[in-house]
Amino acid sequence: MAKQHFFLKLNPPRDSFISDMSPQEREIMLQHVAYWQPFVADGTVIVLGPVFDPKCAYGIAVVEVEDEKHLQTLISNDPANGLNKYEIYPMRAVSKMIESNG
């Protein structure tokens, strides 16, 4: 079965979060970054990082997983899940389609 791709948007608890995190929030975000690193290394996460939108910075990821259940497991184990809120969007990975067609 072909892997599925999802775009994730990690919304902070407040617009100013990136500039005024408490020490406890900063620790959670450091744990968040460390949590995702093995998935970047093994190719599950294709891209991951903050977006510095002037209105409100947020995080994004594009992931390649077996199914949505796998994705939900990854998200539920993220230390920042709950402090931040995930938006999840299924997507069609164009670069993967080009590679397989060409």
C-alpha atoms as a PDB file:
ATOM      1  CA  MET A   1       0.000   0.000   0.000  1.00  0.00           C
ATOM      2  CA  ALA A   2       1.253   3.472  -0.896  1.00  0.00           C
ATOM      3  CA  LYS A   3       2.211   5.748   1.941  1.00  0.00           C
ATOM      4  CA  GLN A   4       0.041   8.730   2.740  1.00  0.00           C
ATOM      5  CA  HIS A   5       1.212  12.316   3.075  1.00  0.00           C
ATOM      6  CA  PHE A   6      -0.064  14.960   5.455  1.00  0.00           C
ATOM      7  CA  PHE A   7       0.625  18.632   6.040  1.00  0.00           C
ATOM      8  CA  LEU A   8       0.659  19.521   9.734  1.00  0.00           C
ATOM      9  CA  LYS A   9       0.333  23.005  11.149  1.00  0.00           C
ATOM     10  CA  LEU A  10       1.220  23.456  14.803  1.00  0.00           C
ATOM     11  CA  ASN A  11      -0.587  26.504  16.182  1.00  0.00           C
ATOM     12  CA  PRO A  12       0.844  28.147  19.291  1.00  0.00           C
ATOM     13  CA  PRO A  13      -1.240  28.923  22.370  1.00  0.00           C
ATOM     14  CA  ARG A  14      -0.944  32.680  21.695  1.00  0.00           C
ATOM     15  CA  ASP A  15       0.306  34.936  18.915  1.00  0.00           C
ATOM     16  CA  SER A  16       3.338  36.126  20.904  1.00  0.00           C
ATOM     17  CA  PHE A  17       4.399  32.593  21.926  1.00  0.00           C
ATOM     18  CA  ILE A  18       7.670  32.512  19.984  1.00  0.00           C
ATOM     19  CA  SER A  19       8.935  35.631  21.772  1.00  0.00           C
ATOM     20  CA  ASP A  20       7.514  35.194  25.274  1.00  0.00           C
ATOM     21  CA  MET A  21       7.588  31.475  26.118  1.00  0.00           C
ATOM     22  CA  SER A  22       7.859  30.738  29.798  1.00  0.00           C
ATOM     23  CA  PRO A  23      10.792  28.549  30.902  1.00  0.00           C
ATOM     24  CA  GLN A  24       8.376  25.596  31.201  1.00  0.00           C
ATOM     25  CA  GLU A  25       6.985  26.200  27.699  1.00  0.00           C
ATOM     26  CA  ARG A  26      10.511  26.497  26.281  1.00  0.00           C
ATOM     27  CA  GLU A  27      11.412  23.134  27.845  1.00  0.00           C
ATOM     28  CA  ILE A  28       8.340  21.529  26.263  1.00  0.00           C
ATOM     29  CA  MET A  29       9.304  22.975  22.878  1.00  0.00           C
ATOM     30  CA  LEU A  30      12.862  21.649  23.221  1.00  0.00           C
ATOM     31  CA  GLN A  31      11.382  18.221  23.981  1.00  0.00           C
ATOM     32  CA  HIS A  32       9.127  18.647  20.921  1.00  0.00           C
ATOM     33  CA  VAL A  33      12.121  19.281  18.638  1.00  0.00           C
ATOM     34  CA  ALA A  34      14.019  16.305  20.099  1.00  0.00           C
ATOM     35  CA  TYR A  35      10.937  14.082  19.727  1.00  0.00           C
ATOM     36  CA  TRP A  36      10.634  14.727  15.973  1.00  0.00           C
ATOM     37  CA  GLN A  37      14.364  14.412  15.126  1.00  0.00           C
ATOM     38  CA  PRO A  38      14.388  10.581  14.728  1.00  0.00           C
ATOM     39  CA  PHE A  39      11.422  10.844  12.349  1.00  0.00           C
ATOM     40  CA  VAL A  40      13.281  13.427  10.278  1.00  0.00           C
ATOM     41  CA  ALA A  41      16.313  11.116  10.223  1.00  0.00           C
ATOM     42  CA  ASP A  42      14.318   8.058   9.098  1.00  0.00           C
ATOM     43  CA  GLY A  43      12.404   9.966   6.392  1.00  0.00           C
ATOM     44  CA  THR A  44       8.971   9.878   8.041  1.00  0.00           C
ATOM     45  CA  VAL A  45       9.122  13.666   8.263  1.00  0.00           C
ATOM     46  CA  ILE A  46      10.005  15.246   4.935  1.00  0.00           C
ATOM     47  CA  VAL A  47      10.138  18.829   6.189  1.00  0.00           C
ATOM     48  CA  LEU A  48       9.775  20.276   9.684  1.00  0.00           C
ATOM     49  CA  GLY A  49      10.253  23.700  11.187  1.00  0.00           C
ATOM     50  CA  PRO A  50       8.920  27.053  12.288  1.00  0.00           C
ATOM     51  CA  VAL A  51       7.316  29.555   9.937  1.00  0.00           C
ATOM     52  CA  PHE A  52       7.990  33.144  10.951  1.00  0.00           C
ATOM     53  CA  ASP A  53       4.708  34.679   9.838  1.00  0.00           C
ATOM     54  CA  PRO A  54       4.706  38.305  11.049  1.00  0.00           C
ATOM     55  CA  LYS A  55       1.155  37.868  12.377  1.00  0.00           C
ATOM     56  CA  CYS A  56       1.948  34.744  14.387  1.00  0.00           C
ATOM     57  CA  ALA A  57       4.775  32.213  14.069  1.00  0.00           C
ATOM     58  CA  TYR A  58       3.748  28.550  13.847  1.00  0.00           C
ATOM     59  CA  GLY A  59       5.260  25.174  13.076  1.00  0.00           C
ATOM     60  CA  ILE A  60       4.792  23.011   9.998  1.00  0.00           C
ATOM     61  CA  ALA A  61       5.645  19.492   8.927  1.00  0.00           C
ATOM     62  CA  VAL A  62       5.060  17.299   5.926  1.00  0.00           C
ATOM     63  CA  VAL A  63       4.970  13.648   6.905  1.00  0.00           C
ATOM     64  CA  GLU A  64       4.858  10.353   5.045  1.00  0.00           C
ATOM     65  CA  VAL A  65       3.124   7.593   7.022  1.00  0.00           C
ATOM     66  CA  GLU A  66       1.460   4.230   6.494  1.00  0.00           C
ATOM     67  CA  ASP A  67      -1.957   5.552   7.490  1.00  0.00           C
ATOM     68  CA  GLU A  68      -3.749   8.179   9.546  1.00  0.00           C
ATOM     69  CA  LYS A  69      -3.604   5.961  12.644  1.00  0.00           C
ATOM     70  CA  HIS A  70       0.206   6.090  12.475  1.00  0.00           C
ATOM     71  CA  LEU A  71       0.022   9.876  12.151  1.00  0.00           C
ATOM     72  CA  GLN A  72      -2.307  10.158  15.151  1.00  0.00           C
ATOM     73  CA  THR A  73       0.122   8.080  17.225  1.00  0.00           C
ATOM     74  CA  LEU A  74       3.009  10.374  16.289  1.00  0.00           C
ATOM     75  CA  ILE A  75       1.015  13.469  17.187  1.00  0.00           C
ATOM     76  CA  SER A  76      -0.382  12.093  20.434  1.00  0.00           C
ATOM     77  CA  ASN A  77       3.149  11.291  21.653  1.00  0.00           C
ATOM     78  CA  ASP A  78       4.492  14.773  20.848  1.00  0.00           C
ATOM     79  CA  PRO A  79       5.361  16.588  24.101  1.00  0.00           C
ATOM     80  CA  ALA A  80       4.048  19.865  22.605  1.00  0.00           C
ATOM     81  CA  ASN A  81       0.639  18.412  21.708  1.00  0.00           C
ATOM     82  CA  GLY A  82      -1.805  20.059  24.068  1.00  0.00           C
ATOM     83  CA  LEU A  83       0.301  23.159  24.668  1.00  0.00           C
ATOM     84  CA  ASN A  84      -0.039  23.775  20.922  1.00  0.00           C
ATOM     85  CA  LYS A  85      -2.877  22.637  18.657  1.00  0.00           C
ATOM     86  CA  TYR A  86      -2.374  20.595  15.499  1.00  0.00           C
ATOM     87  CA  GLU A  87      -4.235  21.120  12.243  1.00  0.00           C
ATOM     88  CA  ILE A  88      -3.954  18.103   9.919  1.00  0.00           C
ATOM     89  CA  TYR A  89      -4.451  18.190   6.154  1.00  0.00           C
ATOM     90  CA  PRO A  90      -4.149  15.207   3.810  1.00  0.00           C
ATOM     91  CA  MET A  91      -2.113  15.994   0.740  1.00  0.00           C
ATOM     92  CA  ARG A  92      -0.870  14.558  -2.493  1.00  0.00           C
ATOM     93  CA  ALA A  93       2.918  14.565  -2.620  1.00  0.00           C
ATOM     94  CA  VAL A  94       3.682  15.816  -6.122  1.00  0.00           C
ATOM     95  CA  SER A  95       7.435  15.148  -5.921  1.00  0.00           C
ATOM     96  CA  LYS A  96       6.764  11.515  -5.015  1.00  0.00           C
ATOM     97  CA  MET A  97       4.418  11.198  -7.995  1.00  0.00           C
ATOM     98  CA  ILE A  98       7.040  12.609 -10.351  1.00  0.00           C
ATOM     99  CA  GLU A  99       9.672  10.203  -9.007  1.00  0.00           C
ATOM    100  CA  SER A 100       7.412   7.193  -9.489  1.00  0.00           C
ATOM    101  CA  ASN A 101       6.320   8.273 -12.983  1.00  0.00           C
ATOM    102  CA  GLY A 102       9.520   9.238 -14.313  1.00  0.00           C
END
